[in-house]
């Protein structure tokens, strides 16, 4: 069962029966690397330097194996010297605790290649092995002579001649006997030498003619006349365009396949409909469909006004009275929402314990939620909660802080004894902090 536990803070004095550590305890003040020892006599921890630890091990500080296989024992104060032989780099000295690295010598007059048997001038067989540096990874590797990317072919070229054809001319330099330069030139390219001696021209939308055309020939594409379009010698125009009036909305005459003037005209930003305007149904019947207003609309105020269908207002709307919305969803799509009320009531239709809160959308259908978990009697947070949810399952709870002049004696206000874990209590007299767990 959960209860209040005191929280230990910096400067607190504690007394415990035993300490169990999952890692090596840290020493507060050290200088360099030290060895931690447990003092079984006086209790606690002691620290000694690596040199003191090494000296305490005596002559068994280092053990190495000689080439003969006999073990060599080196004392704490001894030094192991390794001298590089033929093809091995210079003398390597290893003092106590140092690592020993031996490398082949690739440079200088004593490198491992120079000390090999000298067979210069002797033929190398394709089955002989060579040592090379792999430029791809920088490592020394071996391979066969037959793996080299070239072969030993012999012979002598006494003369090279070149001739031109199919539009290629030899301007100078042919033939070459020992050395020189051959100059080529391009005179012409016969059509017969091309892969294709003709091209195909395809007439696009609104165009006619086209087809296969031999190289050097021409083809003419014509603009085809469509409904309401007239093709003249030098232009394409609307049919009956000369009879259309300025600032007049056109009307399609399907019988003649052309535009004609309508009765709608515009002058000085005023639209005139000479034939009259009929909107919706006869007088006395509610209008259906959408009504759009830009510069204002006058609505009679006597009696109930009913607008069946959607209504859109392009300017501000002021309601001098209460606003009642009878629907399932209210959408407010504004940049800033200003609410004068100091408190907002949610879940107003509830008459008992329930969940509720607010959601900040983070994706297409969910968001972060801050709400009341009625079953736990606490405020909580939940990730990925949908806007149509009716309950919250917190993945974290809000922590509350209570205060009094003494130690806590009852369970936390929020969550109680069953789900109040994590809440804290502060003793304002002593400064002690308690957590409910």
Protein backbone atom coordinates (compact mmCIF):
# COMPACT_ATOMS: atom_id res chain seq x y z
CA UNK A 1 0.00 0.00 0.00
CA UNK A 2 1.26 3.47 -0.82
CA UNK A 3 2.48 5.76 1.98
CA UNK A 4 4.49 8.95 2.46
CA UNK A 5 8.31 8.61 2.18
CA UNK A 6 10.83 11.28 3.10
CA UNK A 7 12.95 12.56 0.21
CA UNK A 8 16.71 12.85 0.87
CA UNK A 9 18.17 16.13 -0.42
CA UNK A 10 21.67 17.59 -0.51
CA UNK A 11 23.00 18.24 3.02
CA UNK A 12 20.76 15.68 4.70
CA UNK A 13 22.24 13.31 7.31
CA UNK A 14 21.15 9.71 6.90
CA UNK A 15 21.65 6.53 8.89
CA UNK A 16 20.96 3.21 7.19
CA UNK A 17 21.62 -0.41 8.17
CA UNK A 18 23.20 -1.40 4.85
CA UNK A 19 23.94 -0.03 1.39
CA UNK A 20 23.61 -2.07 -1.79
CA UNK A 21 25.15 -0.53 -4.92
CA UNK A 22 24.59 -1.65 -8.50
CA UNK A 23 27.87 0.04 -9.54
CA UNK A 24 31.24 0.88 -7.95
CA UNK A 25 30.76 3.75 -5.46
CA UNK A 26 32.45 7.01 -6.48
CA UNK A 27 35.12 8.64 -4.30
CA UNK A 28 34.49 12.35 -3.77
CA UNK A 29 38.12 13.59 -3.95
CA UNK A 30 40.76 11.87 -6.10
CA UNK A 31 43.97 12.85 -7.86
CA UNK A 32 44.56 10.88 -11.07
CA UNK A 33 43.71 7.19 -11.40
CA UNK A 34 43.53 5.25 -8.11
CA UNK A 35 42.79 1.72 -6.92
CA UNK A 36 39.78 1.38 -4.56
CA UNK A 37 40.23 -1.11 -1.66
CA UNK A 38 37.74 -2.26 0.95
CA UNK A 39 39.12 -1.97 4.50
CA UNK A 40 37.80 -5.10 6.20
CA UNK A 41 39.40 -4.09 9.51
CA UNK A 42 38.24 -0.54 10.03
CA UNK A 43 35.39 -0.57 7.48
CA UNK A 44 34.90 1.84 4.56
CA UNK A 45 37.01 2.39 1.46
CA UNK A 46 40.69 3.21 0.95
CA UNK A 47 42.41 4.36 -2.26
CA UNK A 48 46.02 3.77 -3.32
CA UNK A 49 47.99 4.86 -6.38
CA UNK A 50 48.73 2.49 -9.29
CA UNK A 51 52.44 2.53 -8.31
CA UNK A 52 51.63 1.40 -4.76
CA UNK A 53 49.38 -1.32 -6.12
CA UNK A 54 52.10 -2.48 -8.56
CA UNK A 55 54.78 -2.52 -5.85
CA UNK A 56 52.55 -4.62 -3.61
CA UNK A 57 52.45 -7.30 -6.33
CA UNK A 58 56.29 -7.51 -6.28
CA UNK A 59 58.17 -9.50 -8.96
CA UNK A 60 54.92 -10.87 -10.38
CA UNK A 61 53.99 -7.51 -11.86
CA UNK A 62 54.92 -8.63 -15.41
CA UNK A 63 55.33 -12.02 -17.08
CA UNK A 64 56.46 -12.40 -20.71
CA UNK A 65 57.27 -15.40 -22.91
CA UNK A 66 60.66 -15.62 -24.66
CA UNK A 67 61.17 -16.99 -28.19
CA UNK A 68 62.39 -20.27 -26.68
CA UNK A 69 59.05 -20.69 -24.90
CA UNK A 70 60.60 -20.21 -21.45
CA UNK A 71 58.77 -17.70 -19.24
CA UNK A 72 60.69 -14.55 -18.29
CA UNK A 73 59.79 -12.93 -14.96
CA UNK A 74 60.29 -9.16 -14.89
CA UNK A 75 60.26 -7.28 -11.64
CA UNK A 76 58.41 -4.06 -10.89
CA UNK A 77 61.53 -1.93 -11.47
CA UNK A 78 62.78 -3.84 -14.57
CA UNK A 79 62.63 -2.60 -18.17
CA UNK A 80 61.96 -4.82 -21.19
CA UNK A 81 64.02 -3.83 -24.27
CA UNK A 82 63.19 -5.20 -27.75
CA UNK A 83 65.73 -4.57 -30.52
CA UNK A 84 64.49 -4.53 -34.10
CA UNK A 85 66.27 -7.00 -36.41
CA UNK A 86 66.52 -7.01 -40.20
CA UNK A 87 63.33 -5.58 -41.69
CA UNK A 88 61.99 -4.63 -38.23
CA UNK A 89 61.78 -1.02 -37.09
CA UNK A 90 64.23 0.45 -34.54
CA UNK A 91 64.64 -0.60 -30.90
CA UNK A 92 61.40 -0.57 -28.96
CA UNK A 93 61.55 0.10 -25.20
CA UNK A 94 58.59 -0.79 -23.01
CA UNK A 95 58.54 0.52 -19.44
CA UNK A 96 56.14 -0.79 -16.86
CA UNK A 97 52.55 -0.72 -18.10
CA UNK A 98 53.34 0.35 -21.73
CA UNK A 99 52.14 -1.52 -24.80
CA UNK A 100 54.64 -3.11 -27.24
CA UNK A 101 54.11 -2.63 -30.98
CA UNK A 102 56.37 -4.23 -33.61
CA UNK A 103 56.02 -3.09 -37.26
CA UNK A 104 57.73 -4.03 -40.52
CA UNK A 105 60.16 -1.40 -41.82
CA UNK A 106 59.00 -0.13 -45.24
CA UNK A 107 61.50 2.73 -45.59
CA UNK A 108 65.27 3.28 -45.45
CA UNK A 109 68.16 1.14 -46.63
CA UNK A 110 67.35 -1.62 -44.13
CA UNK A 111 63.67 -2.13 -45.07
CA UNK A 112 62.32 -5.66 -45.47
CA UNK A 113 62.47 -5.48 -49.31
CA UNK A 114 66.13 -4.34 -49.50
CA UNK A 115 67.30 -7.19 -47.24
CA UNK A 116 65.76 -9.83 -49.55
CA UNK A 117 67.95 -11.92 -51.90
CA UNK A 118 69.08 -9.77 -54.87
CA UNK A 119 67.99 -11.43 -58.16
CA UNK A 120 67.86 -8.28 -60.31
CA UNK A 121 68.26 -9.13 -64.01
CA UNK A 122 66.71 -12.58 -63.53
CA UNK A 123 63.49 -13.33 -65.41
CA UNK A 124 60.33 -13.40 -63.29
CA UNK A 125 57.92 -16.23 -64.00
CA UNK A 126 54.16 -15.66 -64.12
CA UNK A 127 53.81 -18.06 -61.17
CA UNK A 128 56.16 -15.98 -58.98
CA UNK A 129 54.71 -14.05 -56.04
CA UNK A 130 55.07 -10.27 -55.67
CA UNK A 131 54.37 -7.92 -52.74
CA UNK A 132 52.37 -4.74 -53.47
CA UNK A 133 50.56 -1.91 -51.69
CA UNK A 134 46.78 -1.98 -52.33
CA UNK A 135 45.81 1.65 -53.04
CA UNK A 136 42.15 0.95 -52.30
CA UNK A 137 42.66 0.21 -48.59
CA UNK A 138 46.37 1.01 -47.98
CA UNK A 139 47.26 -2.56 -46.92
CA UNK A 140 50.30 -4.61 -47.99
CA UNK A 141 49.21 -7.68 -50.00
CA UNK A 142 50.71 -10.42 -52.19
CA UNK A 143 49.80 -11.70 -55.64
CA UNK A 144 51.07 -13.54 -58.72
CA UNK A 145 52.92 -11.91 -61.60
CA UNK A 146 50.18 -13.29 -63.88
CA UNK A 147 47.69 -11.08 -61.96
CA UNK A 148 49.34 -7.87 -63.29
CA UNK A 149 47.10 -5.91 -65.71
CA UNK A 150 49.48 -6.09 -68.69
CA UNK A 151 51.32 -8.67 -70.82
CA UNK A 152 54.81 -8.78 -72.40
CA UNK A 153 54.15 -8.67 -76.16
CA UNK A 154 56.94 -7.75 -78.56
CA UNK A 155 56.95 -6.34 -82.14
CA UNK A 156 57.60 -3.22 -84.20
CA UNK A 157 55.16 -1.02 -86.18
CA UNK A 158 56.94 0.42 -89.27
CA UNK A 159 54.09 2.40 -90.87
CA UNK A 160 50.45 3.37 -90.13
CA UNK A 161 48.18 4.78 -92.86
CA UNK A 162 44.59 6.07 -92.61
CA UNK A 163 41.98 6.98 -95.22
CA UNK A 164 38.65 8.82 -94.98
CA UNK A 165 35.12 8.04 -96.16
CA UNK A 166 31.48 9.12 -95.67
CA UNK A 167 32.40 12.80 -95.26
CA UNK A 168 35.64 12.23 -93.30
CA UNK A 169 38.77 13.58 -95.05
CA UNK A 170 42.44 13.03 -94.22
CA UNK A 171 43.92 16.53 -94.32
CA UNK A 172 47.57 15.65 -93.61
CA UNK A 173 50.04 13.35 -91.83
CA UNK A 174 49.25 9.94 -93.42
CA UNK A 175 51.10 7.63 -93.39
CA UNK A 176 53.08 7.69 -90.12
CA UNK A 177 56.37 5.75 -90.17
CA UNK A 178 57.98 6.41 -86.79
CA UNK A 179 56.15 9.36 -85.26
CA UNK A 180 53.88 12.22 -86.31
CA UNK A 181 50.29 13.50 -86.30
CA UNK A 182 47.39 12.62 -88.60
CA UNK A 183 44.87 15.45 -89.13
CA UNK A 184 41.24 14.57 -89.98
CA UNK A 185 38.51 16.91 -91.27
CA UNK A 186 34.71 16.76 -91.79
CA UNK A 187 33.56 17.78 -95.26
CA UNK A 188 29.93 16.59 -95.31
CA UNK A 189 27.61 13.90 -94.01
CA UNK A 190 25.41 12.34 -96.72
CA UNK A 191 21.78 11.82 -95.71
CA UNK A 192 22.13 8.21 -96.76
CA UNK A 193 24.77 7.77 -94.03
CA UNK A 194 22.33 8.80 -91.29
CA UNK A 195 20.35 6.21 -89.37
CA UNK A 196 17.10 7.98 -90.36
CA UNK A 197 16.66 9.84 -93.65
CA UNK A 198 13.26 11.28 -92.72
CA UNK A 199 11.36 12.59 -89.70
CA UNK A 200 7.72 12.31 -88.66
CA UNK A 201 5.78 15.48 -87.81
CA UNK A 202 2.65 14.84 -85.73
CA UNK A 203 -0.14 17.40 -85.75
CA UNK A 204 -1.15 18.20 -82.17
CA UNK A 205 -4.54 19.22 -80.79
CA UNK A 206 -6.19 21.76 -83.09
CA UNK A 207 -3.69 21.15 -85.93
CA UNK A 208 -3.98 19.21 -89.20
CA UNK A 209 -1.58 17.70 -91.80
CA UNK A 210 1.81 16.32 -90.69
CA UNK A 211 3.31 12.90 -91.37
CA UNK A 212 6.70 11.62 -92.64
CA UNK A 213 8.97 14.31 -94.17
CA UNK A 214 12.26 13.57 -95.96
CA UNK A 215 15.34 15.45 -94.77
CA UNK A 216 15.62 18.70 -96.71
CA UNK A 217 11.86 18.84 -97.35
CA UNK A 218 9.13 20.89 -95.62
CA UNK A 219 5.63 20.33 -94.24
CA UNK A 220 2.89 22.83 -93.32
CA UNK A 221 0.65 22.39 -90.26
CA UNK A 222 -2.81 24.01 -90.43
CA UNK A 223 -4.98 25.18 -87.54
CA UNK A 224 -8.31 23.37 -87.66
CA UNK A 225 -11.51 25.31 -87.08
CA UNK A 226 -13.69 24.14 -84.16
CA UNK A 227 -17.13 25.09 -82.82
CA UNK A 228 -17.19 28.84 -82.17
CA UNK A 229 -13.74 29.28 -83.75
CA UNK A 230 -12.98 30.98 -87.07
CA UNK A 231 -9.62 30.40 -88.80
CA UNK A 232 -8.58 33.32 -91.00
CA UNK A 233 -5.55 33.71 -93.23
CA UNK A 234 -3.44 35.40 -90.53
CA UNK A 235 -5.27 34.78 -87.24
CA UNK A 236 -7.68 32.63 -85.25
CA UNK A 237 -10.74 34.40 -83.81
CA UNK A 238 -14.00 33.71 -81.97
CA UNK A 239 -16.90 33.23 -84.31
CA UNK A 240 -19.17 36.31 -84.31
CA UNK A 241 -16.55 38.22 -82.25
CA UNK A 242 -17.25 41.42 -84.20
CA UNK A 243 -20.86 41.47 -83.00
CA UNK A 244 -20.04 41.17 -79.25
CA UNK A 245 -20.38 44.33 -77.14
CA UNK A 246 -17.90 45.70 -74.60
CA UNK A 247 -18.64 45.19 -70.83
CA UNK A 248 -21.36 42.68 -71.67
CA UNK A 249 -21.43 39.08 -70.48
CA UNK A 250 -21.46 36.66 -73.44
CA UNK A 251 -24.23 34.09 -73.91
CA UNK A 252 -23.68 30.83 -75.82
CA UNK A 253 -25.97 30.37 -78.83
CA UNK A 254 -25.92 26.60 -79.34
CA UNK A 255 -28.10 26.86 -82.44
CA UNK A 256 -25.49 28.87 -84.37
CA UNK A 257 -22.43 27.60 -82.48
CA UNK A 258 -21.27 31.06 -81.36
CA UNK A 259 -21.36 33.64 -78.54
CA UNK A 260 -23.91 36.50 -78.51
CA UNK A 261 -24.58 39.41 -76.13
CA UNK A 262 -26.56 38.68 -72.95
CA UNK A 263 -28.69 41.09 -70.88
CA UNK A 264 -26.02 41.36 -68.12
CA UNK A 265 -23.82 44.47 -68.37
CA UNK A 266 -21.32 46.23 -66.07
CA UNK A 267 -20.55 49.95 -65.79
CA UNK A 268 -18.77 51.83 -62.96
CA UNK A 269 -18.68 48.66 -60.79
CA UNK A 270 -22.48 48.28 -61.09
CA UNK A 271 -23.88 45.10 -62.64
CA UNK A 272 -27.22 45.51 -64.44
CA UNK A 273 -29.49 42.61 -65.36
CA UNK A 274 -31.87 44.03 -67.92
CA UNK A 275 -34.07 40.93 -68.10
CA UNK A 276 -34.72 40.83 -64.31
CA UNK A 277 -33.51 38.45 -61.59
CA UNK A 278 -35.34 35.55 -59.98
CA UNK A 279 -33.74 33.98 -56.86
CA UNK A 280 -34.94 30.72 -55.35
CA UNK A 281 -38.65 29.88 -55.11
CA UNK A 282 -41.76 32.09 -55.21
CA UNK A 283 -42.47 34.55 -52.35
CA UNK A 284 -43.48 32.92 -49.08
CA UNK A 285 -41.27 29.83 -49.51
CA UNK A 286 -37.90 29.42 -47.77
CA UNK A 287 -34.90 29.87 -50.06
CA UNK A 288 -32.77 26.77 -50.58
CA UNK A 289 -29.16 26.55 -51.64
CA UNK A 290 -26.30 28.92 -50.77
CA UNK A 291 -26.50 32.72 -50.44
CA UNK A 292 -23.25 34.72 -50.76
CA UNK A 293 -23.07 38.42 -49.79
CA UNK A 294 -20.03 40.70 -50.13
CA UNK A 295 -21.18 44.27 -49.51
CA UNK A 296 -24.07 43.57 -47.16
CA UNK A 297 -27.60 42.23 -47.31
CA UNK A 298 -30.89 43.54 -45.88
CA UNK A 299 -33.10 41.02 -44.08
CA UNK A 300 -36.59 41.86 -42.83
CA UNK A 301 -36.71 41.75 -39.03
CA UNK A 302 -40.43 41.15 -38.61
CA UNK A 303 -41.14 37.56 -37.61
CA UNK A 304 -38.98 34.48 -37.87
CA UNK A 305 -36.42 34.51 -40.66
CA UNK A 306 -35.67 31.06 -42.06
CA UNK A 307 -32.80 30.43 -44.46
CA UNK A 308 -32.82 26.79 -45.51
CA UNK A 309 -29.36 25.65 -46.61
CA UNK A 310 -25.88 27.06 -46.07
CA UNK A 311 -25.27 30.81 -45.68
CA UNK A 312 -21.92 32.52 -46.10
CA UNK A 313 -21.12 36.06 -44.86
CA UNK A 314 -18.01 37.68 -46.37
CA UNK A 315 -17.86 40.46 -43.74
CA UNK A 316 -18.21 40.75 -39.93
CA UNK A 317 -21.37 39.49 -38.19
CA UNK A 318 -22.57 41.00 -34.88
CA UNK A 319 -25.21 39.25 -32.77
CA UNK A 320 -26.81 41.43 -30.07
CA UNK A 321 -28.07 38.63 -27.88
CA UNK A 322 -27.44 35.03 -26.96
CA UNK A 323 -26.25 32.56 -29.59
CA UNK A 324 -27.68 29.06 -29.45
CA UNK A 325 -26.19 26.36 -31.66
CA UNK A 326 -28.27 23.20 -31.99
CA UNK A 327 -25.84 20.76 -33.63
CA UNK A 328 -23.25 18.09 -32.97
CA UNK A 329 -20.09 19.99 -33.99
CA UNK A 330 -19.16 23.67 -33.68
CA UNK A 331 -16.11 24.68 -35.76
CA UNK A 332 -14.29 27.96 -35.03
CA UNK A 333 -11.60 28.55 -37.66
CA UNK A 334 -9.86 31.72 -36.43
CA UNK A 335 -6.28 32.85 -35.89
CA UNK A 336 -6.92 33.96 -32.28
CA UNK A 337 -9.81 33.01 -29.97
CA UNK A 338 -10.63 35.58 -27.26
CA UNK A 339 -12.91 34.49 -24.37
CA UNK A 340 -13.85 37.07 -21.74
CA UNK A 341 -15.08 34.48 -19.21
CA UNK A 342 -12.62 33.72 -16.38
CA UNK A 343 -13.84 30.12 -16.16
CA UNK A 344 -15.10 27.79 -18.88
CA UNK A 345 -17.42 24.87 -18.09
CA UNK A 346 -16.83 21.53 -19.83
CA UNK A 347 -19.02 18.41 -19.67
CA UNK A 348 -21.90 20.64 -18.57
CA UNK A 349 -24.42 17.85 -19.10
CA UNK A 350 -22.74 15.49 -16.61
CA UNK A 351 -24.36 14.79 -13.24
CA UNK A 352 -21.66 12.49 -11.79
CA UNK A 353 -18.02 11.39 -12.09
CA UNK A 354 -16.79 11.67 -15.69
CA UNK A 355 -13.71 12.36 -17.81
CA UNK A 356 -13.06 15.59 -19.69
CA UNK A 357 -10.37 17.99 -20.86
CA UNK A 358 -8.77 19.68 -23.85
CA UNK A 359 -6.84 18.26 -26.85
CA UNK A 360 -4.08 20.04 -28.82
CA UNK A 361 -4.02 18.48 -32.29
CA UNK A 362 -0.64 17.00 -33.31
CA UNK A 363 -1.61 14.92 -36.35
CA UNK A 364 -4.46 14.40 -38.78
CA UNK A 365 -6.82 12.80 -36.24
CA UNK A 366 -5.17 12.86 -32.77
CA UNK A 367 -3.32 15.15 -30.37
CA UNK A 368 -1.97 15.67 -26.84
CA UNK A 369 -4.71 15.66 -24.19
CA UNK A 370 -4.87 17.31 -20.75
CA UNK A 371 -7.86 16.09 -18.81
CA UNK A 372 -9.48 14.73 -15.67
CA UNK A 373 -9.42 10.96 -15.15
CA UNK A 374 -12.63 10.51 -13.17
CA UNK A 375 -11.79 6.95 -12.10
CA UNK A 376 -8.44 8.04 -10.59
CA UNK A 377 -9.67 11.46 -9.37
CA UNK A 378 -6.57 13.10 -10.90
CA UNK A 379 -5.52 15.32 -13.79
CA UNK A 380 -3.54 13.39 -16.41
CA UNK A 381 -1.89 13.55 -19.83
CA UNK A 382 -2.46 11.24 -22.80
CA UNK A 383 -0.74 11.16 -26.19
CA UNK A 384 -2.68 10.42 -29.42
CA UNK A 385 -6.22 11.05 -28.15
CA UNK A 386 -8.89 11.63 -30.81
CA UNK A 387 -11.20 14.69 -30.70
CA UNK A 388 -14.33 12.53 -30.50
CA UNK A 389 -13.11 10.56 -27.45
CA UNK A 390 -15.36 10.38 -24.38
CA UNK A 391 -12.75 9.17 -21.88
CA UNK A 392 -9.04 9.59 -21.16
CA UNK A 393 -6.47 6.89 -20.28
CA UNK A 394 -3.48 8.88 -18.99
CA UNK A 395 0.05 7.73 -19.73
CA UNK A 396 1.24 10.25 -17.10
CA UNK A 397 -0.41 12.10 -14.20
CA UNK A 398 -0.01 15.72 -13.07
CA UNK A 399 1.88 15.95 -9.74
CA UNK A 400 0.42 18.19 -7.03
CA UNK A 401 2.23 19.78 -4.09
CA UNK A 402 0.59 20.06 -0.67
CA UNK A 403 2.02 21.94 2.32
CA UNK A 404 1.51 22.10 6.09
CA UNK A 405 3.51 22.90 9.22
CA UNK A 406 4.03 19.21 9.98
CA UNK A 407 4.49 15.81 8.38
CA UNK A 408 1.59 14.55 6.21
CA UNK A 409 -0.96 12.43 8.04
CA UNK A 410 -3.54 11.68 5.34
CA UNK A 411 -3.47 10.54 1.72
CA UNK A 412 -3.12 13.15 -1.04
CA UNK A 413 -6.17 15.19 -2.03
CA UNK A 414 -5.87 14.21 -5.72
CA UNK A 415 -5.76 10.44 -6.24
CA UNK A 416 -6.21 9.51 -2.60
CA UNK A 417 -4.63 6.39 -1.11
CA UNK A 418 -5.14 4.27 -4.25
CA UNK A 419 -3.88 6.49 -7.12
CA UNK A 420 -2.21 9.45 -5.39
CA UNK A 421 1.32 8.14 -5.97
CA UNK A 422 3.90 10.70 -7.08
CA UNK A 423 2.32 13.69 -5.27
CA UNK A 424 4.55 15.56 -2.81
CA UNK A 425 4.09 17.21 0.59
CA UNK A 426 6.31 19.95 2.10
CA UNK A 427 6.73 20.49 5.84
CA UNK A 428 7.03 24.29 5.91
CA UNK A 429 8.41 24.23 9.46
CA UNK A 430 11.37 21.86 8.90
CA UNK A 431 11.73 22.06 5.12
CA UNK A 432 11.36 18.28 4.84
CA UNK A 433 9.92 16.91 1.58
CA UNK A 434 7.74 13.79 1.32
CA UNK A 435 6.59 11.84 -1.75
CA UNK A 436 3.59 9.51 -1.83
CA UNK A 437 4.58 6.09 -3.19
